[in-house]
N, C-alpha and C. Protein backbone atom coordinates (compact mmCIF):
# COMPACT_ATOMS: atom_id res chain seq x y z
N UNK A 1 0.84 -1.18 0.00
CA UNK A 1 0.00 0.00 0.00
C UNK A 1 0.88 1.25 0.00
N UNK A 2 0.57 2.20 -0.86
CA UNK A 2 1.34 3.44 -0.93
C UNK A 2 1.03 4.32 0.26
N UNK A 3 2.04 5.11 0.63
CA UNK A 3 1.83 6.08 1.69
C UNK A 3 1.59 7.44 1.06
N UNK A 4 0.46 8.03 1.38
CA UNK A 4 0.13 9.35 0.89
C UNK A 4 0.15 10.31 2.06
N UNK A 5 0.56 11.52 1.80
CA UNK A 5 0.47 12.58 2.79
C UNK A 5 -0.06 13.81 2.09
N UNK A 6 -0.47 14.78 2.85
CA UNK A 6 -0.95 16.02 2.26
C UNK A 6 0.17 16.68 1.46
N UNK A 7 1.42 16.45 1.90
CA UNK A 7 2.55 17.03 1.18
C UNK A 7 2.81 16.34 -0.16
N UNK A 8 2.44 15.08 -0.30
CA UNK A 8 2.68 14.35 -1.55
C UNK A 8 1.44 14.30 -2.45
N UNK A 9 0.36 14.89 -2.01
CA UNK A 9 -0.89 14.84 -2.78
C UNK A 9 -0.70 15.40 -4.19
N UNK A 10 -0.06 16.54 -4.30
CA UNK A 10 0.15 17.15 -5.62
C UNK A 10 0.97 16.28 -6.54
N UNK A 11 2.00 15.66 -6.00
CA UNK A 11 2.84 14.78 -6.80
C UNK A 11 2.05 13.56 -7.28
N UNK A 12 1.21 13.01 -6.39
CA UNK A 12 0.39 11.85 -6.77
C UNK A 12 -0.59 12.23 -7.86
N UNK A 13 -1.14 13.44 -7.77
CA UNK A 13 -2.05 13.92 -8.81
C UNK A 13 -1.33 14.00 -10.15
N UNK A 14 -0.16 14.65 -10.15
CA UNK A 14 0.61 14.82 -11.38
C UNK A 14 1.01 13.46 -11.96
N UNK A 15 1.40 12.52 -11.09
CA UNK A 15 1.79 11.19 -11.55
C UNK A 15 0.62 10.49 -12.23
N UNK A 16 -0.56 10.54 -11.62
CA UNK A 16 -1.71 9.86 -12.21
C UNK A 16 -2.17 10.57 -13.48
N UNK A 17 -2.08 11.90 -13.49
CA UNK A 17 -2.48 12.66 -14.68
C UNK A 17 -1.60 12.30 -15.85
N UNK A 18 -0.31 12.08 -15.61
CA UNK A 18 0.60 11.67 -16.67
C UNK A 18 0.66 12.68 -17.80
N UNK A 19 0.44 12.20 -18.99
CA UNK A 19 0.51 13.04 -20.19
C UNK A 19 -0.81 13.74 -20.50
N UNK A 20 -1.83 13.48 -19.72
CA UNK A 20 -3.12 14.14 -19.95
C UNK A 20 -3.02 15.59 -19.54
N UNK A 21 -3.73 16.45 -20.21
CA UNK A 21 -3.69 17.87 -19.93
C UNK A 21 -4.35 18.23 -18.60
N UNK A 22 -3.95 19.36 -18.06
CA UNK A 22 -4.51 19.84 -16.79
C UNK A 22 -6.01 20.08 -16.93
N UNK A 23 -6.41 20.73 -18.02
CA UNK A 23 -7.85 21.02 -18.22
C UNK A 23 -8.68 19.75 -18.32
N UNK A 24 -8.20 18.78 -19.09
CA UNK A 24 -8.91 17.52 -19.26
C UNK A 24 -9.05 16.79 -17.92
N UNK A 25 -7.96 16.71 -17.17
CA UNK A 25 -7.97 16.02 -15.89
C UNK A 25 -8.85 16.74 -14.88
N UNK A 26 -8.75 18.06 -14.84
CA UNK A 26 -9.57 18.84 -13.92
C UNK A 26 -11.06 18.62 -14.21
N UNK A 27 -11.41 18.60 -15.47
CA UNK A 27 -12.81 18.35 -15.86
C UNK A 27 -13.25 16.97 -15.38
N UNK A 28 -12.37 15.98 -15.52
CA UNK A 28 -12.67 14.61 -15.08
C UNK A 28 -12.87 14.55 -13.56
N UNK A 29 -12.04 15.27 -12.82
CA UNK A 29 -12.14 15.29 -11.36
C UNK A 29 -13.36 16.09 -10.91
N UNK A 30 -13.68 17.14 -11.66
CA UNK A 30 -14.80 18.01 -11.28
C UNK A 30 -14.34 19.27 -10.56
N UNK A 31 -13.11 19.71 -10.87
CA UNK A 31 -12.57 20.93 -10.28
C UNK A 31 -12.04 21.81 -11.41
N UNK A 32 -11.69 23.05 -11.09
CA UNK A 32 -11.15 23.93 -12.13
C UNK A 32 -9.70 23.57 -12.43
N UNK A 33 -9.28 23.91 -13.63
CA UNK A 33 -7.89 23.63 -14.00
C UNK A 33 -6.91 24.44 -13.16
N UNK A 34 -7.31 25.65 -12.76
CA UNK A 34 -6.45 26.48 -11.90
C UNK A 34 -6.27 25.82 -10.53
N UNK A 35 -7.35 25.26 -10.00
CA UNK A 35 -7.27 24.57 -8.71
C UNK A 35 -6.37 23.36 -8.81
N UNK A 36 -6.54 22.56 -9.86
CA UNK A 36 -5.69 21.39 -10.05
C UNK A 36 -4.23 21.79 -10.12
N UNK A 37 -3.94 22.82 -10.86
CA UNK A 37 -2.57 23.30 -10.99
C UNK A 37 -2.00 23.73 -9.64
N UNK A 38 -2.80 24.44 -8.85
CA UNK A 38 -2.34 24.88 -7.52
C UNK A 38 -2.06 23.68 -6.62
N UNK A 39 -2.95 22.71 -6.60
CA UNK A 39 -2.75 21.53 -5.74
C UNK A 39 -1.52 20.76 -6.19
N UNK A 40 -1.31 20.63 -7.49
CA UNK A 40 -0.11 19.94 -7.98
C UNK A 40 1.16 20.67 -7.56
N UNK A 41 1.07 21.98 -7.37
CA UNK A 41 2.24 22.77 -6.94
C UNK A 41 2.39 22.79 -5.42
N UNK A 42 1.51 22.09 -4.70
CA UNK A 42 1.68 21.96 -3.26
C UNK A 42 0.72 22.76 -2.41
N UNK A 43 -0.21 23.48 -3.02
CA UNK A 43 -1.19 24.22 -2.23
C UNK A 43 -2.25 23.26 -1.69
N UNK A 44 -2.75 23.55 -0.50
CA UNK A 44 -3.75 22.69 0.12
C UNK A 44 -5.14 23.00 -0.43
N UNK A 45 -5.88 21.98 -0.82
CA UNK A 45 -7.23 22.20 -1.34
C UNK A 45 -8.25 22.38 -0.21
N UNK A 46 -9.41 22.93 -0.56
CA UNK A 46 -10.50 22.98 0.42
C UNK A 46 -11.08 21.57 0.54
N UNK A 47 -11.96 21.38 1.51
CA UNK A 47 -12.48 20.04 1.82
C UNK A 47 -13.21 19.40 0.64
N UNK A 48 -14.02 20.17 -0.06
CA UNK A 48 -14.76 19.61 -1.20
C UNK A 48 -13.81 19.16 -2.30
N UNK A 49 -12.82 19.98 -2.60
CA UNK A 49 -11.83 19.64 -3.61
C UNK A 49 -11.01 18.43 -3.16
N UNK A 50 -10.61 18.42 -1.90
CA UNK A 50 -9.87 17.30 -1.33
C UNK A 50 -10.65 16.00 -1.52
N UNK A 51 -11.94 16.05 -1.26
CA UNK A 51 -12.79 14.87 -1.41
C UNK A 51 -12.82 14.38 -2.86
N UNK A 52 -12.97 15.31 -3.79
CA UNK A 52 -13.01 14.94 -5.21
C UNK A 52 -11.68 14.36 -5.67
N UNK A 53 -10.59 14.95 -5.19
CA UNK A 53 -9.27 14.46 -5.57
C UNK A 53 -9.05 13.05 -5.02
N UNK A 54 -9.40 12.84 -3.77
CA UNK A 54 -9.24 11.50 -3.17
C UNK A 54 -10.07 10.47 -3.93
N UNK A 55 -11.26 10.84 -4.29
CA UNK A 55 -12.12 9.92 -5.04
C UNK A 55 -11.48 9.59 -6.39
N UNK A 56 -10.95 10.61 -7.07
CA UNK A 56 -10.31 10.41 -8.37
C UNK A 56 -9.04 9.56 -8.24
N UNK A 57 -8.27 9.80 -7.19
CA UNK A 57 -7.06 9.01 -6.94
C UNK A 57 -7.37 7.62 -6.38
N UNK A 58 -8.64 7.42 -5.99
CA UNK A 58 -9.09 6.15 -5.40
C UNK A 58 -8.33 5.84 -4.12
N UNK A 59 -8.26 6.84 -3.25
CA UNK A 59 -7.61 6.68 -1.96
C UNK A 59 -8.54 7.14 -0.85
N UNK A 60 -8.36 6.58 0.32
CA UNK A 60 -9.14 6.94 1.49
C UNK A 60 -8.58 8.25 2.05
N UNK A 61 -9.40 9.28 2.22
CA UNK A 61 -8.92 10.54 2.78
C UNK A 61 -8.23 10.35 4.14
N UNK A 62 -8.68 9.37 4.91
CA UNK A 62 -8.06 9.10 6.20
C UNK A 62 -6.61 8.68 6.07
N UNK A 63 -6.28 8.05 4.96
CA UNK A 63 -4.90 7.64 4.73
C UNK A 63 -3.99 8.86 4.63
N UNK A 64 -4.48 9.92 4.02
CA UNK A 64 -3.70 11.15 3.88
C UNK A 64 -3.68 11.93 5.19
N UNK A 65 -4.82 11.99 5.85
CA UNK A 65 -4.93 12.78 7.08
C UNK A 65 -4.33 12.07 8.28
N UNK A 66 -3.98 10.80 8.11
CA UNK A 66 -3.35 10.07 9.20
C UNK A 66 -4.31 9.64 10.29
N UNK A 67 -5.57 9.45 9.92
CA UNK A 67 -6.55 8.96 10.88
C UNK A 67 -7.13 7.66 10.36
N UNK A 68 -7.44 6.78 11.28
CA UNK A 68 -8.03 5.50 10.93
C UNK A 68 -9.48 5.72 10.53
N UNK A 69 -9.88 5.16 9.39
CA UNK A 69 -11.26 5.24 8.98
C UNK A 69 -12.11 4.41 9.93
N UNK A 70 -13.25 4.95 10.30
CA UNK A 70 -14.11 4.30 11.27
C UNK A 70 -15.55 4.54 10.88
N UNK A 71 -16.26 3.48 10.53
CA UNK A 71 -17.64 3.63 10.08
C UNK A 71 -18.55 4.10 11.20
N UNK A 72 -18.12 4.00 12.46
CA UNK A 72 -18.95 4.43 13.58
C UNK A 72 -18.58 5.84 14.04
N UNK A 73 -17.80 6.56 13.24
CA UNK A 73 -17.30 7.87 13.65
C UNK A 73 -18.44 8.85 13.94
N UNK A 74 -19.55 8.73 13.22
CA UNK A 74 -20.66 9.65 13.47
C UNK A 74 -21.34 9.38 14.80
N UNK A 75 -21.19 8.17 15.33
CA UNK A 75 -21.85 7.81 16.57
C UNK A 75 -21.08 8.25 17.80
N UNK A 76 -19.77 8.56 17.67
CA UNK A 76 -19.00 8.80 18.85
C UNK A 76 -18.29 10.15 18.97
N UNK A 77 -18.47 11.11 18.06
CA UNK A 77 -17.74 12.36 18.27
C UNK A 77 -18.20 13.03 19.57
N UNK A 78 -17.24 13.48 20.33
CA UNK A 78 -17.60 14.13 21.59
C UNK A 78 -16.83 15.43 21.73
N UNK A 79 -16.66 16.11 20.61
CA UNK A 79 -15.91 17.36 20.63
C UNK A 79 -16.86 18.54 20.76
N UNK A 80 -16.37 19.58 21.36
CA UNK A 80 -17.11 20.83 21.39
C UNK A 80 -16.12 21.96 21.26
N UNK A 81 -16.62 23.09 20.79
CA UNK A 81 -15.74 24.22 20.58
C UNK A 81 -15.63 25.05 21.84
N UNK A 82 -14.44 25.57 22.05
CA UNK A 82 -14.18 26.44 23.19
C UNK A 82 -13.59 27.73 22.65
N UNK A 83 -13.36 28.64 23.54
CA UNK A 83 -12.75 29.90 23.11
C UNK A 83 -11.24 29.76 22.94
N UNK A 84 -10.69 28.59 23.27
CA UNK A 84 -9.27 28.36 23.09
C UNK A 84 -8.93 28.38 21.60
N UNK A 85 -7.75 28.90 21.29
CA UNK A 85 -7.35 28.98 19.88
C UNK A 85 -6.85 27.64 19.34
N UNK A 86 -6.25 26.83 20.15
CA UNK A 86 -5.70 25.55 19.71
C UNK A 86 -6.58 24.40 20.20
N UNK A 87 -6.83 23.46 19.30
CA UNK A 87 -7.61 22.29 19.67
C UNK A 87 -6.71 21.26 20.32
N UNK A 88 -7.26 20.55 21.26
CA UNK A 88 -6.55 19.42 21.85
C UNK A 88 -6.48 18.32 20.79
N UNK A 89 -5.44 17.49 20.82
CA UNK A 89 -5.31 16.43 19.80
C UNK A 89 -6.54 15.52 19.71
N UNK A 90 -7.11 15.17 20.85
CA UNK A 90 -8.29 14.29 20.80
C UNK A 90 -9.49 14.98 20.16
N UNK A 91 -9.60 16.29 20.34
CA UNK A 91 -10.68 17.05 19.71
C UNK A 91 -10.46 17.12 18.21
N UNK A 92 -9.24 17.40 17.80
CA UNK A 92 -8.92 17.46 16.38
C UNK A 92 -9.19 16.11 15.72
N UNK A 93 -8.82 15.02 16.38
CA UNK A 93 -9.06 13.69 15.81
C UNK A 93 -10.56 13.41 15.69
N UNK A 94 -11.31 13.78 16.71
CA UNK A 94 -12.77 13.57 16.66
C UNK A 94 -13.39 14.36 15.51
N UNK A 95 -12.94 15.58 15.31
CA UNK A 95 -13.44 16.39 14.21
C UNK A 95 -13.04 15.78 12.86
N UNK A 96 -11.79 15.32 12.75
CA UNK A 96 -11.35 14.68 11.51
C UNK A 96 -12.16 13.42 11.23
N UNK A 97 -12.42 12.63 12.25
CA UNK A 97 -13.25 11.42 12.09
C UNK A 97 -14.65 11.79 11.60
N UNK A 98 -15.20 12.85 12.16
CA UNK A 98 -16.53 13.30 11.76
C UNK A 98 -16.55 13.74 10.31
N UNK A 99 -15.55 14.50 9.90
CA UNK A 99 -15.47 14.98 8.52
C UNK A 99 -15.32 13.80 7.57
N UNK A 100 -14.46 12.85 7.91
CA UNK A 100 -14.27 11.69 7.05
C UNK A 100 -15.53 10.84 6.94
N UNK A 101 -16.24 10.68 8.03
CA UNK A 101 -17.49 9.91 8.00
C UNK A 101 -18.53 10.62 7.14
N UNK A 102 -18.61 11.93 7.26
CA UNK A 102 -19.55 12.69 6.43
C UNK A 102 -19.17 12.56 4.96
N UNK A 103 -17.88 12.60 4.68
CA UNK A 103 -17.40 12.46 3.31
C UNK A 103 -17.76 11.09 2.75
N UNK A 104 -17.57 10.02 3.55
CA UNK A 104 -17.93 8.67 3.09
C UNK A 104 -19.42 8.58 2.81
N UNK A 105 -20.22 9.17 3.66
CA UNK A 105 -21.67 9.13 3.46
C UNK A 105 -22.05 9.87 2.17
N UNK A 106 -21.42 11.00 1.93
CA UNK A 106 -21.68 11.78 0.71
C UNK A 106 -21.27 10.98 -0.52
N UNK A 107 -20.08 10.38 -0.48
CA UNK A 107 -19.61 9.61 -1.63
C UNK A 107 -20.51 8.41 -1.88
N UNK A 108 -20.98 7.76 -0.81
CA UNK A 108 -21.87 6.60 -0.97
C UNK A 108 -23.20 7.02 -1.58
N UNK A 109 -23.68 8.20 -1.21
CA UNK A 109 -24.97 8.66 -1.74
C UNK A 109 -24.88 9.08 -3.21
N UNK A 110 -23.66 9.34 -3.69
CA UNK A 110 -23.47 9.74 -5.09
C UNK A 110 -23.34 8.56 -6.02
N UNK A 111 -23.22 7.36 -5.48
CA UNK A 111 -23.05 6.15 -6.32
C UNK A 111 -24.33 5.75 -6.97
């Protein structure tokens, strides 16, 4: 299994795109060619774009974010927001699990 990170996402995109044009590939993914170009150069995408890219690359977003995919993630988040500027690691993980679960549900509903 390949190791993906947010830092290598752009390189993985460019590798899979190969000789295909940026515009053609962006249209296939469902994003703008400018966005694809930025992500290939190392810029971080927004969540919706990240989801589309992961789907196109056929990779689990959790693999990139470094969190274990958990189908019960929606049942157990126990995070709440505080006035603190930095999130505790367990809060950040709970939020990431929630986002990934929502993403899986969205992708499943699009099939």
